[in-house]
Amino acid sequence: MQELIIFLIFAGALGYLGNRIYQSFAQKKAGCGKGCGCATDASVSVKPTEK
């Protein structure tokens, strides 16, 4: 029983690390990379209002 619990914890840790590695190599979305929500696509970006 103890071996099963240790195996499940180890498998979960490997899955977590595998997901982190995959996310680091996955294609990034457009923007500056700071998480501020800016976008390089003109159709997505917010246009300033005229005064």
N, C-alpha and C. Protein backbone atom coordinates (compact mmCIF):
# COMPACT_ATOMS: atom_id res chain seq x y z
N MET A 1 0.83 -1.20 0.00
CA MET A 1 0.00 0.00 0.00
C MET A 1 0.87 1.26 0.00
N GLN A 2 1.95 1.24 0.78
CA GLN A 2 2.84 2.40 0.85
C GLN A 2 3.50 2.66 -0.49
N GLU A 3 3.86 1.59 -1.20
CA GLU A 3 4.50 1.73 -2.51
C GLU A 3 3.56 2.40 -3.51
N LEU A 4 2.29 2.08 -3.42
CA LEU A 4 1.30 2.68 -4.31
C LEU A 4 1.18 4.18 -4.06
N ILE A 5 1.15 4.57 -2.80
CA ILE A 5 1.05 6.00 -2.46
C ILE A 5 2.28 6.75 -2.95
N ILE A 6 3.47 6.17 -2.72
CA ILE A 6 4.71 6.81 -3.18
C ILE A 6 4.73 6.90 -4.70
N PHE A 7 4.29 5.85 -5.38
CA PHE A 7 4.24 5.88 -6.85
C PHE A 7 3.29 6.96 -7.35
N LEU A 8 2.14 7.10 -6.72
CA LEU A 8 1.17 8.12 -7.14
C LEU A 8 1.72 9.53 -6.92
N ILE A 9 2.40 9.75 -5.81
CA ILE A 9 3.01 11.06 -5.56
C ILE A 9 4.10 11.33 -6.59
N PHE A 10 4.93 10.34 -6.87
CA PHE A 10 6.01 10.48 -7.85
C PHE A 10 5.44 10.73 -9.25
N ALA A 11 4.39 10.01 -9.63
CA ALA A 11 3.77 10.19 -10.94
C ALA A 11 3.14 11.57 -11.05
N GLY A 12 2.53 12.04 -9.98
CA GLY A 12 1.96 13.39 -9.98
C GLY A 12 3.03 14.46 -10.14
N ALA A 13 4.16 14.27 -9.47
CA ALA A 13 5.27 15.23 -9.58
C ALA A 13 5.84 15.23 -10.99
N LEU A 14 5.98 14.06 -11.58
CA LEU A 14 6.47 13.99 -12.97
C LEU A 14 5.48 14.64 -13.93
N GLY A 15 4.21 14.42 -13.73
CA GLY A 15 3.20 15.05 -14.57
C GLY A 15 3.23 16.56 -14.45
N TYR A 16 3.40 17.07 -13.24
CA TYR A 16 3.49 18.51 -13.01
C TYR A 16 4.71 19.09 -13.71
N LEU A 17 5.86 18.46 -13.54
CA LEU A 17 7.07 18.95 -14.18
C LEU A 17 6.97 18.87 -15.70
N GLY A 18 6.38 17.80 -16.20
CA GLY A 18 6.19 17.67 -17.64
C GLY A 18 5.30 18.77 -18.19
N ASN A 19 4.26 19.11 -17.47
CA ASN A 19 3.36 20.18 -17.89
C ASN A 19 4.09 21.52 -17.90
N ARG A 20 4.90 21.79 -16.87
CA ARG A 20 5.65 23.04 -16.80
C ARG A 20 6.64 23.15 -17.96
N ILE A 21 7.32 22.05 -18.29
CA ILE A 21 8.26 22.07 -19.42
C ILE A 21 7.52 22.29 -20.72
N TYR A 22 6.38 21.62 -20.89
CA TYR A 22 5.59 21.79 -22.10
C TYR A 22 5.13 23.24 -22.26
N GLN A 23 4.65 23.85 -21.18
CA GLN A 23 4.18 25.23 -21.23
C GLN A 23 5.32 26.19 -21.56
N SER A 24 6.53 25.89 -21.15
CA SER A 24 7.65 26.79 -21.43
C SER A 24 8.03 26.75 -22.91
N PHE A 25 7.78 25.63 -23.59
CA PHE A 25 8.10 25.52 -25.00
C PHE A 25 6.90 25.76 -25.91
N ALA A 26 5.71 25.83 -25.35
CA ALA A 26 4.50 26.04 -26.15
C ALA A 26 4.52 27.45 -26.74
N GLN A 27 3.81 27.61 -27.85
CA GLN A 27 3.76 28.90 -28.52
C GLN A 27 3.10 29.94 -27.62
N LYS A 28 3.74 31.07 -27.50
CA LYS A 28 3.23 32.14 -26.65
C LYS A 28 2.21 32.97 -27.41
N LYS A 29 1.30 33.59 -26.67
CA LYS A 29 0.32 34.50 -27.27
C LYS A 29 1.00 35.83 -27.53
N ALA A 30 0.43 36.61 -28.42
CA ALA A 30 0.98 37.92 -28.76
C ALA A 30 0.87 38.86 -27.57
N GLY A 31 1.77 39.79 -27.51
CA GLY A 31 1.77 40.78 -26.44
C GLY A 31 3.17 41.02 -25.95
N CYS A 32 3.29 41.80 -24.94
CA CYS A 32 4.62 42.17 -24.46
C CYS A 32 5.19 41.16 -23.48
N GLY A 33 4.42 40.22 -22.97
CA GLY A 33 4.92 39.20 -22.07
C GLY A 33 4.92 39.60 -20.61
N LYS A 34 4.41 40.76 -20.28
CA LYS A 34 4.38 41.19 -18.89
C LYS A 34 3.05 40.85 -18.22
N GLY A 35 2.09 40.33 -18.97
CA GLY A 35 0.81 39.99 -18.40
C GLY A 35 -0.11 41.18 -18.21
N CYS A 36 0.17 42.26 -18.95
CA CYS A 36 -0.64 43.47 -18.77
C CYS A 36 -1.88 43.48 -19.66
N GLY A 37 -1.98 42.53 -20.60
CA GLY A 37 -3.16 42.45 -21.45
C GLY A 37 -3.02 43.17 -22.77
N CYS A 38 -1.86 43.76 -23.04
CA CYS A 38 -1.69 44.44 -24.33
C CYS A 38 -1.58 43.41 -25.45
N ALA A 39 -1.90 43.80 -26.66
CA ALA A 39 -1.86 42.88 -27.78
C ALA A 39 -1.27 43.59 -28.99
N THR A 40 -0.64 42.81 -29.87
CA THR A 40 -0.06 43.39 -31.08
C THR A 40 -1.06 43.41 -32.23
N ASP A 41 -2.15 42.67 -32.10
CA ASP A 41 -3.18 42.61 -33.14
C ASP A 41 -4.08 43.83 -33.01
N ALA A 42 -4.23 44.60 -34.11
CA ALA A 42 -5.01 45.84 -34.06
C ALA A 42 -6.50 45.56 -33.80
N SER A 43 -7.00 44.40 -34.22
CA SER A 43 -8.42 44.11 -34.01
C SER A 43 -8.71 43.78 -32.55
N VAL A 44 -7.70 43.43 -31.79
CA VAL A 44 -7.89 43.06 -30.40
C VAL A 44 -7.65 44.25 -29.48
N SER A 45 -6.74 45.13 -29.85
CA SER A 45 -6.37 46.21 -28.96
C SER A 45 -7.51 47.23 -28.83
N VAL A 46 -7.49 47.94 -27.74
CA VAL A 46 -8.50 48.94 -27.43
C VAL A 46 -8.13 50.24 -28.09
N LYS A 47 -9.10 50.86 -28.80
CA LYS A 47 -8.85 52.13 -29.46
C LYS A 47 -9.22 53.26 -28.51
N PRO A 48 -8.40 54.30 -28.45
CA PRO A 48 -8.73 55.43 -27.56
C PRO A 48 -9.98 56.17 -28.03
N THR A 49 -10.70 56.70 -27.10
CA THR A 49 -11.92 57.45 -27.44
C THR A 49 -11.55 58.88 -27.82
N GLU A 50 -12.30 59.44 -28.73
CA GLU A 50 -12.05 60.83 -29.14
C GLU A 50 -12.72 61.78 -28.17
N LYS A 51 -12.05 62.91 -27.90
CA LYS A 51 -12.60 63.89 -26.97
C LYS A 51 -13.19 65.07 -27.71
